Amino acid sequence: MEDIAEKQAQFTHMENGTAEDWKAIADAFGPFARDLPARILAHLKLLEGDCGGFPVDRLTHCLQTATLAHRDGKDEEYVVCALLHDIGDTLGSFNHADVAAVILEPFVSEENHWMIKHHAIFQGYYFFHHLGMDRNLREQYRDHPYYERTIEFVSKYDAPAFDEKGETLPLEFFEPMVRRVFAKPRKSLYKKAVEAAG
């Protein structure tokens, strides 16, 4: 019996794809999608040892941010957002918050997605003026319903998470949370197809 993982579509242009081709692709998608949490955790580990001039490496910063949120009683989804807020640093040097937000978007609430997407602008209050930028850039969002939520995230969890002596729970502590949050998308172009496949 042929292994499903070995089946591949036969087209060279999508317009020529058959139902059988797309079934092979859909069959491969399921296991690949289920492995997303492992890939996210592996990518997060790329931040280890990379300080970028900061007092702690980027992984430690992410772990401390999540630890602070967890210790403050934030729910699991919020804590995972805190953990992954800077995962975009490796490939999104000029838009890291956007990268993190795109990864999280199918799996988290609108308010958590917005908070992560905009955290880079909000944290700028602490340092933009040192770089010749407007530290009050976040004020353009003052009337937005998630403005205060993002202020809280940055001030209580993100900004103070650069302490080499601060509590830093290990990545393994957060792994089950990541797996649960990324278990099933809430919204996605492919949500209906994924649910139909079971």
Protein backbone atom coordinates (compact mmCIF):
# COMPACT_ATOMS: atom_id res chain seq x y z
CA MET A 1 0.00 0.00 0.00
CA GLU A 2 1.38 3.40 -0.99
CA ASP A 3 2.19 5.72 1.88
CA ILE A 4 0.07 8.91 1.85
CA ALA A 5 3.18 10.98 2.61
CA GLU A 6 4.72 9.80 -0.66
CA LYS A 7 1.81 10.87 -2.85
CA GLN A 8 2.43 14.07 -4.75
CA ALA A 9 0.39 16.14 -7.17
CA GLN A 10 1.33 15.68 -10.82
CA PHE A 11 0.58 19.13 -12.23
CA THR A 12 3.12 21.72 -13.33
CA HIS A 13 0.54 24.55 -13.28
CA MET A 14 -2.23 24.82 -10.69
CA GLU A 15 -4.92 25.20 -13.37
CA ASN A 16 -4.22 21.60 -14.39
CA GLY A 17 -4.63 20.17 -10.90
CA THR A 18 -7.13 17.33 -10.50
CA ALA A 19 -9.23 16.37 -7.49
CA GLU A 20 -6.73 13.56 -6.88
CA ASP A 21 -3.83 16.04 -6.93
CA TRP A 22 -5.54 18.27 -4.40
CA LYS A 23 -6.43 15.29 -2.22
CA ALA A 24 -2.73 14.39 -2.08
CA ILE A 25 -1.94 17.97 -1.07
CA ALA A 26 -4.74 18.05 1.53
CA ASP A 27 -3.60 14.71 2.95
CA ALA A 28 -0.07 16.08 3.38
CA PHE A 29 -1.34 19.35 4.84
CA GLY A 30 -2.93 17.76 7.92
CA PRO A 31 0.25 16.32 9.47
CA PHE A 32 2.24 19.40 8.42
CA ALA A 33 -0.28 21.75 10.06
CA ARG A 34 -0.37 19.66 13.23
CA ASP A 35 3.41 20.05 13.50
CA LEU A 36 3.16 23.87 13.51
CA PRO A 37 3.69 24.21 17.29
CA ALA A 38 6.97 22.27 17.03
CA ARG A 39 8.17 24.50 14.20
CA ILE A 40 7.23 27.62 16.17
CA LEU A 41 9.12 26.41 19.23
CA ALA A 42 12.15 25.50 17.11
CA HIS A 43 12.12 28.95 15.49
CA LEU A 44 11.83 30.63 18.88
CA LYS A 45 15.01 28.82 19.93
CA LEU A 46 16.85 30.67 17.15
CA LEU A 47 16.64 33.75 19.39
CA GLU A 48 18.87 32.11 21.99
CA GLY A 49 22.29 33.72 22.26
CA ASP A 50 21.32 36.70 20.09
CA CYS A 51 21.43 39.80 22.28
CA GLY A 52 21.45 42.42 19.55
CA GLY A 53 22.98 44.83 22.07
CA PHE A 54 20.27 44.21 24.69
CA PRO A 55 21.13 43.16 28.27
CA VAL A 56 19.74 39.63 27.71
CA ASP A 57 19.36 37.49 24.62
CA ARG A 58 16.13 37.65 22.65
CA LEU A 59 14.90 34.24 23.83
CA THR A 60 15.40 35.20 27.48
CA HIS A 61 13.48 38.42 26.82
CA CYS A 62 10.57 36.47 25.31
CA LEU A 63 10.58 33.97 28.18
CA GLN A 64 10.69 36.75 30.78
CA THR A 65 7.84 38.60 29.07
CA ALA A 66 5.72 35.42 29.14
CA THR A 67 6.78 34.67 32.73
CA LEU A 68 5.69 38.12 33.90
CA ALA A 69 2.33 37.77 32.14
CA HIS A 70 1.82 34.26 33.54
CA ARG A 71 2.72 35.29 37.10
CA ASP A 72 0.29 38.20 36.78
CA GLY A 73 -2.55 35.79 36.04
CA LYS A 74 -3.01 36.42 32.34
CA ASP A 75 -4.78 33.66 30.43
CA GLU A 76 -2.96 31.07 28.35
CA GLU A 77 -3.56 32.75 25.00
CA TYR A 78 -2.21 36.06 26.31
CA VAL A 79 0.85 34.31 27.75
CA VAL A 80 1.57 32.61 24.41
CA CYS A 81 1.27 35.98 22.68
CA ALA A 82 3.76 37.38 25.19
CA LEU A 83 6.11 34.47 24.52
CA LEU A 84 5.97 34.91 20.75
CA HIS A 85 5.79 38.71 20.53
CA ASP A 86 9.38 39.00 19.25
CA ILE A 87 9.60 35.76 17.25
CA GLY A 88 9.78 37.93 14.13
CA ASP A 89 13.18 39.34 15.09
CA THR A 90 15.05 36.78 12.99
CA LEU A 91 13.36 37.47 9.65
CA GLY A 92 11.52 40.75 10.27
CA SER A 93 14.35 43.03 11.29
CA PHE A 94 12.32 46.05 10.16
CA ASN A 95 8.83 44.76 11.06
CA HIS A 96 9.17 42.10 13.75
CA ALA A 97 5.79 42.86 15.33
CA ASP A 98 4.02 42.30 12.01
CA VAL A 99 5.69 38.90 11.61
CA ALA A 100 4.62 37.76 15.09
CA ALA A 101 1.09 39.07 14.54
CA VAL A 102 0.69 37.20 11.25
CA ILE A 103 1.77 33.92 12.85
CA LEU A 104 -0.65 34.41 15.74
CA GLU A 105 -3.61 35.84 13.83
CA PRO A 106 -5.47 32.62 12.90
CA PHE A 107 -5.29 31.35 16.48
CA VAL A 108 -5.91 34.30 18.82
CA SER A 109 -8.51 36.90 19.62
CA GLU A 110 -8.71 40.19 17.74
CA GLU A 111 -7.53 42.11 20.80
CA ASN A 112 -4.46 39.94 21.32
CA HIS A 113 -3.61 40.06 17.63
CA TRP A 114 -3.87 43.88 17.58
CA MET A 115 -1.78 44.17 20.74
CA ILE A 116 1.08 42.14 19.28
CA LYS A 117 0.86 43.80 15.87
CA HIS A 118 1.23 47.26 17.44
CA HIS A 119 3.53 46.58 20.38
CA ALA A 120 6.62 47.89 18.54
CA ILE A 121 5.04 51.31 18.14
CA PHE A 122 3.88 51.37 21.76
CA GLN A 123 7.23 50.34 23.21
CA GLY A 124 8.80 53.17 21.23
CA TYR A 125 7.63 55.50 23.99
CA TYR A 126 10.64 54.34 25.99
CA PHE A 127 13.32 54.90 23.38
CA PHE A 128 12.22 56.49 20.09
CA HIS A 129 13.34 59.94 21.31
CA HIS A 130 16.89 58.58 21.77
CA LEU A 131 16.89 57.68 18.07
CA GLY A 132 15.53 60.99 16.77
CA MET A 133 12.02 59.57 16.44
CA ASP A 134 8.67 60.57 17.95
CA ARG A 135 8.21 58.70 21.22
CA ASN A 136 4.50 59.56 21.17
CA LEU A 137 3.82 57.79 17.88
CA ARG A 138 1.43 55.49 19.74
CA GLU A 139 -0.87 58.44 20.42
CA GLN A 140 -2.36 58.04 16.95
CA TYR A 141 -4.18 55.03 18.46
CA ARG A 142 -5.40 56.73 21.66
CA ASP A 143 -9.07 56.24 20.72
CA HIS A 144 -8.62 52.63 19.65
CA PRO A 145 -10.39 50.08 21.90
CA TYR A 146 -7.13 48.11 22.41
CA TYR A 147 -4.92 51.11 23.19
CA GLU A 148 -4.91 50.57 26.97
CA ARG A 149 -4.45 46.81 26.56
CA THR A 150 -1.32 47.40 24.50
CA ILE A 151 0.01 50.03 26.93
CA GLU A 152 -0.39 47.45 29.71
CA PHE A 153 1.36 44.71 27.72
CA VAL A 154 4.34 46.90 26.96
CA SER A 155 4.66 48.57 30.37
CA LYS A 156 4.06 45.53 32.60
CA TYR A 157 5.50 42.64 30.60
CA ASP A 158 7.57 43.65 27.56
CA ALA A 159 9.56 46.67 28.77
CA PRO A 160 10.73 45.21 32.12
CA ALA A 161 11.78 41.83 30.66
CA PHE A 162 15.49 42.55 30.24
CA ASP A 163 16.70 41.50 33.69
CA GLU A 164 19.43 38.86 33.66
CA LYS A 165 18.48 38.07 37.28
CA GLY A 166 14.73 38.16 36.67
CA GLU A 167 12.56 35.07 36.87
CA THR A 168 12.66 33.26 33.55
CA LEU A 169 10.56 30.13 33.24
CA PRO A 170 12.04 27.67 30.70
CA LEU A 171 10.61 27.22 27.23
CA GLU A 172 9.48 23.71 28.21
CA PHE A 173 7.10 25.28 30.74
CA PHE A 174 5.28 27.13 27.97
CA GLU A 175 5.36 24.35 25.37
CA PRO A 176 1.98 22.79 26.35
CA MET A 177 0.39 26.25 26.16
CA VAL A 178 1.80 26.82 22.69
CA ARG A 179 0.51 23.43 21.56
CA ARG A 180 -2.99 24.16 22.88
CA VAL A 181 -3.23 27.67 21.42
CA PHE A 182 -2.01 26.46 18.00
CA ALA A 183 -4.11 23.27 18.02
CA LYS A 184 -6.88 24.65 15.80
CA PRO A 185 -7.31 27.93 13.93
CA ARG A 186 -10.20 30.20 14.86
CA LYS A 187 -10.07 31.96 11.53
CA SER A 188 -8.31 31.11 8.31
CA LEU A 189 -8.94 31.07 4.60
CA TYR A 190 -8.68 27.27 4.89
CA LYS A 191 -10.70 26.85 8.12
CA LYS A 192 -13.70 25.22 6.41
CA ALA A 193 -11.53 22.76 4.50
CA VAL A 194 -9.54 21.90 7.63
CA GLU A 195 -12.74 21.24 9.62
CA ALA A 196 -14.17 19.10 6.81
CA ALA A 197 -11.01 16.98 6.77
CA GLY A 198 -11.41 16.39 10.50
